[in-house]
PDB file of N, CA and C in Angstrom:
ATOM      1  N   MET A   1     103.089  96.929 136.539  1.00  0.00           N
ATOM      2  CA  MET A   1     101.796  97.375 136.998  1.00  0.00           C
ATOM      3  C   MET A   1     101.938  98.795 137.558  1.00  0.00           C
ATOM      4  N   ILE A   2     100.995  99.658 137.215  1.00  0.00           N
ATOM      5  CA  ILE A   2     100.976 101.016 137.756  1.00  0.00           C
ATOM      6  C   ILE A   2     100.319 100.953 139.123  1.00  0.00           C
ATOM      7  N   THR A   3     101.041 101.404 140.151  1.00  0.00           N
ATOM      8  CA  THR A   3     100.544 101.288 141.520  1.00  0.00           C
ATOM      9  C   THR A   3     100.156 102.621 142.136  1.00  0.00           C
ATOM     10  N   GLU A   4     100.552 103.734 141.515  1.00  0.00           N
ATOM     11  CA  GLU A   4     100.247 105.049 142.084  1.00  0.00           C
ATOM     12  C   GLU A   4     100.217 106.079 140.962  1.00  0.00           C
ATOM     13  N   ILE A   5      99.217 106.973 141.003  1.00  0.00           N
ATOM     14  CA  ILE A   5      99.131 108.085 140.063  1.00  0.00           C
ATOM     15  C   ILE A   5      98.785 109.332 140.863  1.00  0.00           C
ATOM     16  N   SER A   6      99.605 110.379 140.729  1.00  0.00           N
ATOM     17  CA  SER A   6      99.312 111.630 141.426  1.00  0.00           C
ATOM     18  C   SER A   6      98.656 112.620 140.466  1.00  0.00           C
ATOM     19  N   VAL A   7      97.979 113.610 141.023  1.00  0.00           N
ATOM     20  CA  VAL A   7      97.253 114.579 140.196  1.00  0.00           C
ATOM     21  C   VAL A   7      98.182 115.451 139.364  1.00  0.00           C
ATOM     22  N   ASP A   8      99.466 115.535 139.741  1.00  0.00           N
ATOM     23  CA  ASP A   8     100.408 116.362 138.974  1.00  0.00           C
ATOM     24  C   ASP A   8     101.076 115.591 137.836  1.00  0.00           C
ATOM     25  N   GLY A   9     100.637 114.343 137.593  1.00  0.00           N
ATOM     26  CA  GLY A   9     101.140 113.584 136.453  1.00  0.00           C
ATOM     27  C   GLY A   9     102.204 112.550 136.766  1.00  0.00           C
ATOM     28  N   TRP A  10     102.748 112.541 137.980  1.00  0.00           N
ATOM     29  CA  TRP A  10     103.750 111.543 138.348  1.00  0.00           C
ATOM     30  C   TRP A  10     103.061 110.225 138.674  1.00  0.00           C
ATOM     31  N   PHE A  11     103.685 109.118 138.278  1.00  0.00           N
ATOM     32  CA  PHE A  11     103.125 107.812 138.601  1.00  0.00           C
ATOM     33  C   PHE A  11     104.249 106.823 138.874  1.00  0.00           C
ATOM     34  N   THR A  12     103.896 105.745 139.583  1.00  0.00           N
ATOM     35  CA  THR A  12     104.846 104.686 139.917  1.00  0.00           C
ATOM     36  C   THR A  12     104.461 103.429 139.154  1.00  0.00           C
ATOM     37  N   LEU A  13     105.467 102.832 138.541  1.00  0.00           N
ATOM     38  CA  LEU A  13     105.302 101.591 137.790  1.00  0.00           C
ATOM     39  C   LEU A  13     106.180 100.544 138.459  1.00  0.00           C
ATOM     40  N   VAL A  14     105.599  99.423 138.861  1.00  0.00           N
ATOM     41  CA  VAL A  14     106.357  98.328 139.468  1.00  0.00           C
ATOM     42  C   VAL A  14     106.539  97.249 138.411  1.00  0.00           C
ATOM     43  N   LEU A  15     107.797  96.906 138.151  1.00  0.00           N
ATOM     44  CA  LEU A  15     108.111  95.902 137.135  1.00  0.00           C
ATOM     45  C   LEU A  15     107.824  94.500 137.649  1.00  0.00           C
ATOM     46  N   ASP A  16     107.335  93.653 136.759  1.00  0.00           N
ATOM     47  CA  ASP A  16     107.071  92.255 137.123  1.00  0.00           C
ATOM     48  C   ASP A  16     108.357  91.534 137.488  1.00  0.00           C
ATOM     49  N   GLU A  17     109.416  91.804 136.724  1.00  0.00           N
ATOM     50  CA  GLU A  17     110.700  91.147 136.961  1.00  0.00           C
ATOM     51  C   GLU A  17     111.430  91.848 138.104  1.00  0.00           C
ATOM     52  N   GLY A  18     111.418  91.269 139.269  1.00  0.00           N
ATOM     53  CA  GLY A  18     112.193  91.784 140.387  1.00  0.00           C
ATOM     54  C   GLY A  18     111.480  92.808 141.245  1.00  0.00           C
ATOM     55  N   GLY A  19     110.332  93.304 140.839  1.00  0.00           N
ATOM     56  CA  GLY A  19     109.575  94.244 141.660  1.00  0.00           C
ATOM     57  C   GLY A  19     110.155  95.643 141.752  1.00  0.00           C
ATOM     58  N   GLU A  20     111.031  96.013 140.828  1.00  0.00           N
ATOM     59  CA  GLU A  20     111.633  97.351 140.842  1.00  0.00           C
ATOM     60  C   GLU A  20     110.565  98.413 140.593  1.00  0.00           C
ATOM     61  N   SER A  21     110.610  99.510 141.384  1.00  0.00           N
ATOM     62  CA  SER A  21     109.683 100.630 141.208  1.00  0.00           C
ATOM     63  C   SER A  21     110.348 101.732 140.403  1.00  0.00           C
ATOM     64  N   LEU A  22     109.652 102.223 139.387  1.00  0.00           N
ATOM     65  CA  LEU A  22     110.146 103.320 138.556  1.00  0.00           C
ATOM     66  C   LEU A  22     109.152 104.466 138.615  1.00  0.00           C
ATOM     67  N   ARG A  23     109.663 105.713 138.602  1.00  0.00           N
ATOM     68  CA  ARG A  23     108.803 106.901 138.627  1.00  0.00           C
ATOM     69  C   ARG A  23     108.876 107.593 137.278  1.00  0.00           C
ATOM     70  N   TYR A  24     107.719 107.930 136.739  1.00  0.00           N
ATOM     71  CA  TYR A  24     107.614 108.639 135.469  1.00  0.00           C
ATOM     72  C   TYR A  24     106.570 109.739 135.590  1.00  0.00           C
ATOM     73  N   TRP A  25     106.577 110.621 134.591  1.00  0.00           N
ATOM     74  CA  TRP A  25     105.586 111.691 134.506  1.00  0.00           C
ATOM     75  C   TRP A  25     104.901 111.612 133.150  1.00  0.00           C
ATOM     76  N   THR A  26     103.634 111.961 133.109  1.00  0.00           N
ATOM     77  CA  THR A  26     102.890 112.040 131.857  1.00  0.00           C
ATOM     78  C   THR A  26     101.984 113.262 131.877  1.00  0.00           C
ATOM     79  N   HIS A  27     101.705 113.796 130.708  1.00  0.00           N
ATOM     80  CA  HIS A  27     100.770 114.916 130.604  1.00  0.00           C
ATOM     81  C   HIS A  27      99.335 114.416 130.467  1.00  0.00           C
ATOM     82  N   ASP A  28      99.142 113.124 130.337  1.00  0.00           N
ATOM     83  CA  ASP A  28      97.823 112.563 130.061  1.00  0.00           C
ATOM     84  C   ASP A  28      97.413 111.559 131.137  1.00  0.00           C
ATOM     85  N   ILE A  29      97.136 112.066 132.346  1.00  0.00           N
ATOM     86  CA  ILE A  29      96.825 111.150 133.448  1.00  0.00           C
ATOM     87  C   ILE A  29      95.474 110.458 133.261  1.00  0.00           C
ATOM     88  N   GLU A  30      94.562 111.062 132.491  1.00  0.00           N
ATOM     89  CA  GLU A  30      93.261 110.412 132.271  1.00  0.00           C
ATOM     90  C   GLU A  30      93.425 109.097 131.507  1.00  0.00           C
ATOM     91  N   LYS A  31      94.258 109.093 130.467  1.00  0.00           N
ATOM     92  CA  LYS A  31      94.521 107.839 129.742  1.00  0.00           C
ATOM     93  C   LYS A  31      95.250 106.849 130.641  1.00  0.00           C
ATOM     94  N   LEU A  32      96.151 107.368 131.470  1.00  0.00           N
ATOM     95  CA  LEU A  32      96.933 106.502 132.350  1.00  0.00           C
ATOM     96  C   LEU A  32      96.042 105.818 133.385  1.00  0.00           C
ATOM     97  N   ARG A  33      95.021 106.518 133.859  1.00  0.00           N
ATOM     98  CA  ARG A  33      94.119 105.942 134.870  1.00  0.00           C
ATOM     99  C   ARG A  33      93.460 104.649 134.378  1.00  0.00           C
ATOM    100  N   VAL A  34      93.248 104.537 133.074  1.00  0.00           N
ATOM    101  CA  VAL A  34      92.654 103.323 132.503  1.00  0.00           C
ATOM    102  C   VAL A  34      93.568 102.120 132.740  1.00  0.00           C
ATOM    103  N   LEU A  35      94.880 102.369 132.789  1.00  0.00           N
ATOM    104  CA  LEU A  35      95.849 101.285 132.973  1.00  0.00           C
ATOM    105  C   LEU A  35      96.156 100.993 134.443  1.00  0.00           C
ATOM    106  N   PHE A  36      95.614 101.797 135.371  1.00  0.00           N
ATOM    107  CA  PHE A  36      95.929 101.644 136.788  1.00  0.00           C
ATOM    108  C   PHE A  36      95.598 100.234 137.267  1.00  0.00           C
ATOM    109  N   GLY A  37      96.594  99.572 137.874  1.00  0.00           N
ATOM    110  CA  GLY A  37      96.415  98.240 138.434  1.00  0.00           C
ATOM    111  C   GLY A  37      96.357  97.116 137.413  1.00  0.00           C
ATOM    112  N   GLU A  38      96.466  97.444 136.137  1.00  0.00           N
ATOM    113  CA  GLU A  38      96.390  96.431 135.084  1.00  0.00           C
ATOM    114  C   GLU A  38      97.727  95.710 134.919  1.00  0.00           C
ATOM    115  N   ASP A  39      97.648  94.432 134.586  1.00  0.00           N
ATOM    116  CA  ASP A  39      98.841  93.665 134.233  1.00  0.00           C
ATOM    117  C   ASP A  39      99.131  93.873 132.752  1.00  0.00           C
ATOM    118  N   ARG A  40     100.252  93.376 132.308  1.00  0.00           N
ATOM    119  CA  ARG A  40     100.673  93.420 130.902  1.00  0.00           C
ATOM    120  C   ARG A  40     100.882  94.836 130.379  1.00  0.00           C
ATOM    121  N   VAL A  41     101.170  95.767 131.255  1.00  0.00           N
ATOM    122  CA  VAL A  41     101.542  97.111 130.817  1.00  0.00           C
ATOM    123  C   VAL A  41     102.999  97.049 130.400  1.00  0.00           C
ATOM    124  N   GLU A  42     103.303  97.570 129.230  1.00  0.00           N
ATOM    125  CA  GLU A  42     104.671  97.542 128.718  1.00  0.00           C
ATOM    126  C   GLU A  42     105.225  98.956 128.647  1.00  0.00           C
ATOM    127  N   ILE A  43     106.519  99.067 128.881  1.00  0.00           N
ATOM    128  CA  ILE A  43     107.181 100.360 128.810  1.00  0.00           C
ATOM    129  C   ILE A  43     108.281 100.282 127.764  1.00  0.00           C
ATOM    130  N   ASN A  44     108.390 101.329 126.976  1.00  0.00           N
ATOM    131  CA  ASN A  44     109.448 101.429 125.978  1.00  0.00           C
ATOM    132  C   ASN A  44     110.179 102.734 126.244  1.00  0.00           C
ATOM    133  N   GLU A  45     111.306 102.648 126.955  1.00  0.00           N
ATOM    134  CA  GLU A  45     112.047 103.852 127.320  1.00  0.00           C
ATOM    135  C   GLU A  45     112.706 104.510 126.117  1.00  0.00           C
ATOM    136  N   HIS A  46     113.032 103.734 125.090  1.00  0.00           N
ATOM    137  CA  HIS A  46     113.639 104.320 123.890  1.00  0.00           C
ATOM    138  C   HIS A  46     112.683 105.324 123.246  1.00  0.00           C
ATOM    139  N   TRP A  47     111.406 104.984 123.148  1.00  0.00           N
ATOM    140  CA  TRP A  47     110.399 105.862 122.541  1.00  0.00           C
ATOM    141  C   TRP A  47     109.644 106.671 123.588  1.00  0.00           C
ATOM    142  N   SER A  48     109.952 106.485 124.871  1.00  0.00           N
ATOM    143  CA  SER A  48     109.306 107.214 125.975  1.00  0.00           C
ATOM    144  C   SER A  48     107.792 107.034 125.973  1.00  0.00           C
ATOM    145  N   VAL A  49     107.363 105.785 125.900  1.00  0.00           N
ATOM    146  CA  VAL A  49     105.929 105.490 125.924  1.00  0.00           C
ATOM    147  C   VAL A  49     105.645 104.304 126.834  1.00  0.00           C
ATOM    148  N   ILE A  50     104.433 104.271 127.319  1.00  0.00           N
ATOM    149  CA  ILE A  50     103.909 103.130 128.051  1.00  0.00           C
ATOM    150  C   ILE A  50     102.653 102.694 127.297  1.00  0.00           C
ATOM    151  N   HIS A  51     102.389 101.397 127.264  1.00  0.00           N
ATOM    152  CA  HIS A  51     101.213 100.925 126.530  1.00  0.00           C
ATOM    153  C   HIS A  51     100.771  99.565 127.034  1.00  0.00           C
ATOM    154  N   GLN A  52      99.575  99.198 126.638  1.00  0.00           N
ATOM    155  CA  GLN A  52      99.039  97.873 126.934  1.00  0.00           C
ATOM    156  C   GLN A  52      98.377  97.360 125.668  1.00  0.00           C
ATOM    157  N   ARG A  53      98.746  96.169 125.274  1.00  0.00           N
ATOM    158  CA  ARG A  53      98.156  95.568 124.072  1.00  0.00           C
ATOM    159  C   ARG A  53      96.748  95.059 124.391  1.00  0.00           C
ATOM    160  N   HIS A  54      95.851  95.274 123.449  1.00  0.00           N
ATOM    161  CA  HIS A  54      94.473  94.814 123.583  1.00  0.00           C
ATOM    162  C   HIS A  54      94.213  93.740 122.546  1.00  0.00           C
ATOM    163  N   GLY A  55      93.109  93.056 122.676  1.00  0.00           N
ATOM    164  CA  GLY A  55      92.727  92.056 121.691  1.00  0.00           C
ATOM    165  C   GLY A  55      92.608  92.673 120.306  1.00  0.00           C
ATOM    166  N   GLY A  56      92.927  91.896 119.303  1.00  0.00           N
ATOM    167  CA  GLY A  56      92.859  92.387 117.938  1.00  0.00           C
ATOM    168  C   GLY A  56      94.070  93.193 117.528  1.00  0.00           C
ATOM    169  N   GLY A  57      95.086  93.257 118.386  1.00  0.00           N
ATOM    170  CA  GLY A  57      96.323  93.941 118.032  1.00  0.00           C
ATOM    171  C   GLY A  57      96.341  95.431 118.287  1.00  0.00           C
ATOM    172  N   SER A  58      95.261  96.006 118.842  1.00  0.00           N
ATOM    173  CA  SER A  58      95.266  97.449 119.083  1.00  0.00           C
ATOM    174  C   SER A  58      96.083  97.776 120.324  1.00  0.00           C
ATOM    175  N   THR A  59      96.676  98.948 120.322  1.00  0.00           N
ATOM    176  CA  THR A  59      97.511  99.399 121.430  1.00  0.00           C
ATOM    177  C   THR A  59      97.279 100.879 121.662  1.00  0.00           C
ATOM    178  N   ASN A  60      97.136 101.268 122.916  1.00  0.00           N
ATOM    179  CA  ASN A  60      97.069 102.682 123.273  1.00  0.00           C
ATOM    180  C   ASN A  60      98.415 103.095 123.840  1.00  0.00           C
ATOM    181  N   TYR A  61      99.019 104.130 123.265  1.00  0.00           N
ATOM    182  CA  TYR A  61     100.310 104.614 123.724  1.00  0.00           C
ATOM    183  C   TYR A  61     100.133 105.896 124.522  1.00  0.00           C
ATOM    184  N   ILE A  62     100.922 106.025 125.595  1.00  0.00           N
ATOM    185  CA  ILE A  62     100.908 107.223 126.422  1.00  0.00           C
ATOM    186  C   ILE A  62     102.349 107.700 126.551  1.00  0.00           C
ATOM    187  N   SER A  63     102.572 108.954 126.254  1.00  0.00           N
ATOM    188  CA  SER A  63     103.905 109.547 126.343  1.00  0.00           C
ATOM    189  C   SER A  63     104.309 109.701 127.806  1.00  0.00           C
ATOM    190  N   ILE A  64     105.568 109.325 128.126  1.00  0.00           N
ATOM    191  CA  ILE A  64     106.073 109.410 129.500  1.00  0.00           C
ATOM    192  C   ILE A  64     107.486 109.975 129.495  1.00  0.00           C
ATOM    193  N   THR A  65     107.925 110.428 130.663  1.00  0.00           N
ATOM    194  CA  THR A  65     109.298 110.898 130.827  1.00  0.00           C
ATOM    195  C   THR A  65     109.674 110.849 132.302  1.00  0.00           C
ATOM    196  N   GLN A  66     110.972 110.814 132.568  1.00  0.00           N
ATOM    197  CA  GLN A  66     111.456 110.953 133.934  1.00  0.00           C
ATOM    198  C   GLN A  66     111.939 112.378 134.180  1.00  0.00           C
ATOM    199  N   ASN A  67     112.012 113.182 133.122  1.00  0.00           N
ATOM    200  CA  ASN A  67     112.476 114.572 133.215  1.00  0.00           C
ATOM    201  C   ASN A  67     111.496 115.497 132.501  1.00  0.00           C
ATOM    202  N   PRO A  68     110.361 115.824 133.143  1.00  0.00           N
ATOM    203  CA  PRO A  68     109.371 116.660 132.461  1.00  0.00           C
ATOM    204  C   PRO A  68     109.891 118.069 132.205  1.00  0.00           C
ATOM    205  N   ARG A  69     109.506 118.592 131.055  1.00  0.00           N
ATOM    206  CA  ARG A  69     109.825 119.973 130.690  1.00  0.00           C
ATOM    207  C   ARG A  69     108.524 120.649 130.297  1.00  0.00           C
ATOM    208  N   PRO A  70     108.434 121.953 130.508  1.00  0.00           N
ATOM    209  CA  PRO A  70     107.203 122.629 130.110  1.00  0.00           C
ATOM    210  C   PRO A  70     107.024 122.589 128.596  1.00  0.00           C
ATOM    211  N   CYS A  71     105.777 122.489 128.163  1.00  0.00           N
ATOM    212  CA  CYS A  71     105.478 122.513 126.735  1.00  0.00           C
ATOM    213  C   CYS A  71     105.701 123.919 126.193  1.00  0.00           C
ATOM    214  N   VAL A  72     106.203 123.997 124.978  1.00  0.00           N
ATOM    215  CA  VAL A  72     106.426 125.282 124.325  1.00  0.00           C
ATOM    216  C   VAL A  72     105.206 125.570 123.456  1.00  0.00           C
ATOM    217  N   PHE A  73     104.579 126.718 123.682  1.00  0.00           N
ATOM    218  CA  PHE A  73     103.370 127.068 122.950  1.00  0.00           C
ATOM    219  C   PHE A  73     103.592 128.228 121.989  1.00  0.00           C
ATOM    220  N   GLU A  74     104.804 128.418 121.541  1.00  0.00           N
ATOM    221  CA  GLU A  74     105.083 129.510 120.614  1.00  0.00           C
ATOM    222  C   GLU A  74     104.766 129.092 119.187  1.00  0.00           C
ATOM    223  N   GLU A  75     104.346 130.053 118.384  1.00  0.00           N
ATOM    224  CA  GLU A  75     104.086 129.799 116.971  1.00  0.00           C
ATOM    225  C   GLU A  75     105.423 129.540 116.284  1.00  0.00           C
ATOM    226  N   PRO A  76     105.566 128.441 115.566  1.00  0.00           N
ATOM    227  CA  PRO A  76     106.847 128.156 114.918  1.00  0.00           C
ATOM    228  C   PRO A  76     107.160 129.180 113.830  1.00  0.00           C
ATOM    229  N   GLU A  77     108.382 129.681 113.848  1.00  0.00           N
ATOM    230  CA  GLU A  77     108.833 130.643 112.848  1.00  0.00           C
ATOM    231  C   GLU A  77     110.101 130.122 112.208  1.00  0.00           C
ATOM    232  N   GLY A  78     110.291 130.433 110.941  1.00  0.00           N
ATOM    233  CA  GLY A  78     111.489 130.014 110.233  1.00  0.00           C
ATOM    234  C   GLY A  78     111.185 128.893 109.263  1.00  0.00           C
ATOM    235  N   GLU A  79     112.236 128.459 108.586  1.00  0.00           N
ATOM    236  CA  GLU A  79     112.106 127.364 107.624  1.00  0.00           C
ATOM    237  C   GLU A  79     111.803 126.063 108.367  1.00  0.00           C
ATOM    238  N   LEU A  80     110.952 125.247 107.783  1.00  0.00           N
ATOM    239  CA  LEU A  80     110.533 124.016 108.452  1.00  0.00           C
ATOM    240  C   LEU A  80     111.699 123.072 108.715  1.00  0.00           C
ATOM    241  N   HIS A  81     112.647 122.980 107.762  1.00  0.00           N
ATOM    242  CA  HIS A  81     113.795 122.090 107.990  1.00  0.00           C
ATOM    243  C   HIS A  81     114.661 122.599 109.138  1.00  0.00           C
ATOM    244  N   GLU A  82     114.708 123.935 109.329  1.00  0.00           N
ATOM    245  CA  GLU A  82     115.466 124.488 110.456  1.00  0.00           C
ATOM    246  C   GLU A  82     114.775 124.168 111.781  1.00  0.00           C
ATOM    247  N   LEU A  83     113.440 124.205 111.788  1.00  0.00           N
ATOM    248  CA  LEU A  83     112.701 123.860 113.003  1.00  0.00           C
ATOM    249  C   LEU A  83     112.925 122.406 113.401  1.00  0.00           C
ATOM    250  N   LEU A  84     113.085 121.543 112.421  1.00  0.00           N
ATOM    251  CA  LEU A  84     113.404 120.145 112.727  1.00  0.00           C
ATOM    252  C   LEU A  84     114.742 120.042 113.445  1.00  0.00           C
ATOM    253  N   GLU A  85     115.719 120.814 112.973  1.00  0.00           N
ATOM    254  CA  GLU A  85     117.059 120.763 113.559  1.00  0.00           C
ATOM    255  C   GLU A  85     117.112 121.442 114.922  1.00  0.00           C
ATOM    256  N   THR A  86     116.472 122.612 115.068  1.00  0.00           N
ATOM    257  CA  THR A  86     116.591 123.378 116.309  1.00  0.00           C
ATOM    258  C   THR A  86     115.622 122.944 117.397  1.00  0.00           C
ATOM    259  N   HIS A  87     114.413 122.497 117.007  1.00  0.00           N
ATOM    260  CA  HIS A  87     113.393 122.160 117.991  1.00  0.00           C
ATOM    261  C   HIS A  87     113.064 120.670 118.046  1.00  0.00           C
ATOM    262  N   GLY A  88     113.605 119.906 117.106  1.00  0.00           N
ATOM    263  CA  GLY A  88     113.294 118.487 117.067  1.00  0.00           C
ATOM    264  C   GLY A  88     111.958 118.189 116.412  1.00  0.00           C
ATOM    265  N   GLY A  89     111.314 119.218 115.869  1.00  0.00           N
ATOM    266  CA  GLY A  89     110.031 119.037 115.201  1.00  0.00           C
ATOM    267  C   GLY A  89     109.180 120.277 115.334  1.00  0.00           C
ATOM    268  N   PHE A  90     107.971 120.194 114.858  1.00  0.00           N
ATOM    269  CA  PHE A  90     107.036 121.312 114.929  1.00  0.00           C
ATOM    270  C   PHE A  90     105.638 120.786 114.690  1.00  0.00           C
ATOM    271  N   SER A  91     104.659 121.605 114.999  1.00  0.00           N
ATOM    272  CA  SER A  91     103.272 121.236 114.765  1.00  0.00           C
ATOM    273  C   SER A  91     102.564 122.426 114.141  1.00  0.00           C
ATOM    274  N   ILE A  92     102.148 122.266 112.897  1.00  0.00           N
ATOM    275  CA  ILE A  92     101.393 123.303 112.206  1.00  0.00           C
ATOM    276  C   ILE A  92     100.276 122.636 111.415  1.00  0.00           C
ATOM    277  N   SER A  93      99.277 123.420 111.073  1.00  0.00           N
ATOM    278  CA  SER A  93      98.164 122.867 110.299  1.00  0.00           C
ATOM    279  C   SER A  93      98.615 122.600 108.869  1.00  0.00           C
ATOM    280  N   GLY A  94      97.887 121.739 108.186  1.00  0.00           N
ATOM    281  CA  GLY A  94      98.179 121.476 106.781  1.00  0.00           C
ATOM    282  C   GLY A  94      98.051 122.735 105.951  1.00  0.00           C
ATOM    283  N   GLU A  95      97.056 123.558 106.283  1.00  0.00           N
ATOM    284  CA  GLU A  95      96.854 124.828 105.575  1.00  0.00           C
ATOM    285  C   GLU A  95      98.075 125.734 105.723  1.00  0.00           C
ATOM    286  N   GLU A  96      98.613 125.813 106.940  1.00  0.00           N
ATOM    287  CA  GLU A  96      99.801 126.643 107.175  1.00  0.00           C
ATOM    288  C   GLU A  96     101.012 126.077 106.446  1.00  0.00           C
ATOM    289  N   ALA A  97     101.146 124.765 106.421  1.00  0.00           N
ATOM    290  CA  ALA A  97     102.269 124.147 105.702  1.00  0.00           C
ATOM    291  C   ALA A  97     102.204 124.487 104.219  1.00  0.00           C
ATOM    292  N   LEU A  98     101.018 124.397 103.622  1.00  0.00           N
ATOM    293  CA  LEU A  98     100.868 124.746 102.205  1.00  0.00           C
ATOM    294  C   LEU A  98     101.172 126.218 101.955  1.00  0.00           C
ATOM    295  N   ARG A  99     100.718 127.089 102.867  1.00  0.00           N
ATOM    296  CA  ARG A  99     101.003 128.517 102.731  1.00  0.00           C
ATOM    297  C   ARG A  99     102.504 128.769 102.733  1.00  0.00           C
ATOM    298  N   ARG A 100     103.210 128.117 103.636  1.00  0.00           N
ATOM    299  CA  ARG A 100     104.664 128.302 103.724  1.00  0.00           C
ATOM    300  C   ARG A 100     105.372 127.769 102.476  1.00  0.00           C
ATOM    301  N   ILE A 101     104.920 126.645 101.965  1.00  0.00           N
ATOM    302  CA  ILE A 101     105.535 126.074 100.761  1.00  0.00           C
ATOM    303  C   ILE A 101     105.335 127.013  99.579  1.00  0.00           C
ATOM    304  N   LYS A 102     104.116 127.525  99.423  1.00  0.00           N
ATOM    305  CA  LYS A 102     103.830 128.451  98.321  1.00  0.00           C
ATOM    306  C   LYS A 102     104.641 129.730  98.448  1.00  0.00           C
ATOM    307  N   ALA A 103     104.762 130.259  99.663  1.00  0.00           N
ATOM    308  CA  ALA A 103     105.542 131.478  99.881  1.00  0.00           C
ATOM    309  C   ALA A 103     107.014 131.237  99.554  1.00  0.00           C
ATOM    310  N   ARG A 104     107.517 130.071  99.924  1.00  0.00           N
ATOM    311  CA  ARG A 104     108.923 129.752  99.633  1.00  0.00           C
ATOM    312  C   ARG A 104     109.143 129.630  98.128  1.00  0.00           C
ATOM    313  N   GLU A 105     108.225 128.973  97.430  1.00  0.00           N
ATOM    314  CA  GLU A 105     108.341 128.837  95.976  1.00  0.00           C
ATOM    315  C   GLU A 105     108.272 130.197  95.292  1.00  0.00           C
ATOM    316  N   ALA A 106     107.393 131.075  95.779  1.00  0.00           N
ATOM    317  CA  ALA A 106     107.266 132.415  95.196  1.00  0.00           C
ATOM    318  C   ALA A 106     108.542 133.220  95.387  1.00  0.00           C
ATOM    319  N   SER A 107     109.174 133.096  96.560  1.00  0.00           N
ATOM    320  CA  SER A 107     110.412 133.846  96.798  1.00  0.00           C
ATOM    321  C   SER A 107     111.553 133.304  95.946  1.00  0.00           C
ATOM    322  N   LYS A 108     111.546 132.008  95.652  1.00  0.00           N
ATOM    323  CA  LYS A 108     112.564 131.427  94.764  1.00  0.00           C
ATOM    324  C   LYS A 108     112.392 131.950  93.342  1.00  0.00           C
ATOM    325  N   GLU A 109     111.139 132.080  92.891  1.00  0.00           N
ATOM    326  CA  GLU A 109     110.872 132.565  91.539  1.00  0.00           C
ATOM    327  C   GLU A 109     111.275 134.026  91.374  1.00  0.00           C
ATOM    328  N   GLU A 110     111.162 134.812  92.462  1.00  0.00           N
ATOM    329  CA  GLU A 110     111.524 136.228  92.405  1.00  0.00           C
ATOM    330  C   GLU A 110     113.026 136.428  92.317  1.00  0.00           C
ATOM    331  N   SER A 111     113.782 135.502  92.839  1.00  0.00           N
ATOM    332  CA  SER A 111     115.246 135.680  92.837  1.00  0.00           C
ATOM    333  C   SER A 111     115.918 135.068  91.655  1.00  0.00           C
TER     334      SER A 111
END
């Protein structure tokens, strides 16, 4: 059960088994507020998410961490496979992805 949520994103989760208190941070406190005081909240530390199952099998997931880092807002540069290796992923529009693929194919044809 979530027992405390601060405005800076930190919250306290008390486990049903043994009453252990855990502290986490999330960037989405508005979604977290919906779960405040609710039972059956589940945490998955492997995937760094907290969620609660609803009727019909639907689940809302909220990203959490115990070690928050600032978000990086730089435009991704370089080959997409390199960004996967160096940054762990990237976020670009479908239009930008197609542009990059076409540019890469054109440079291969020139060489």
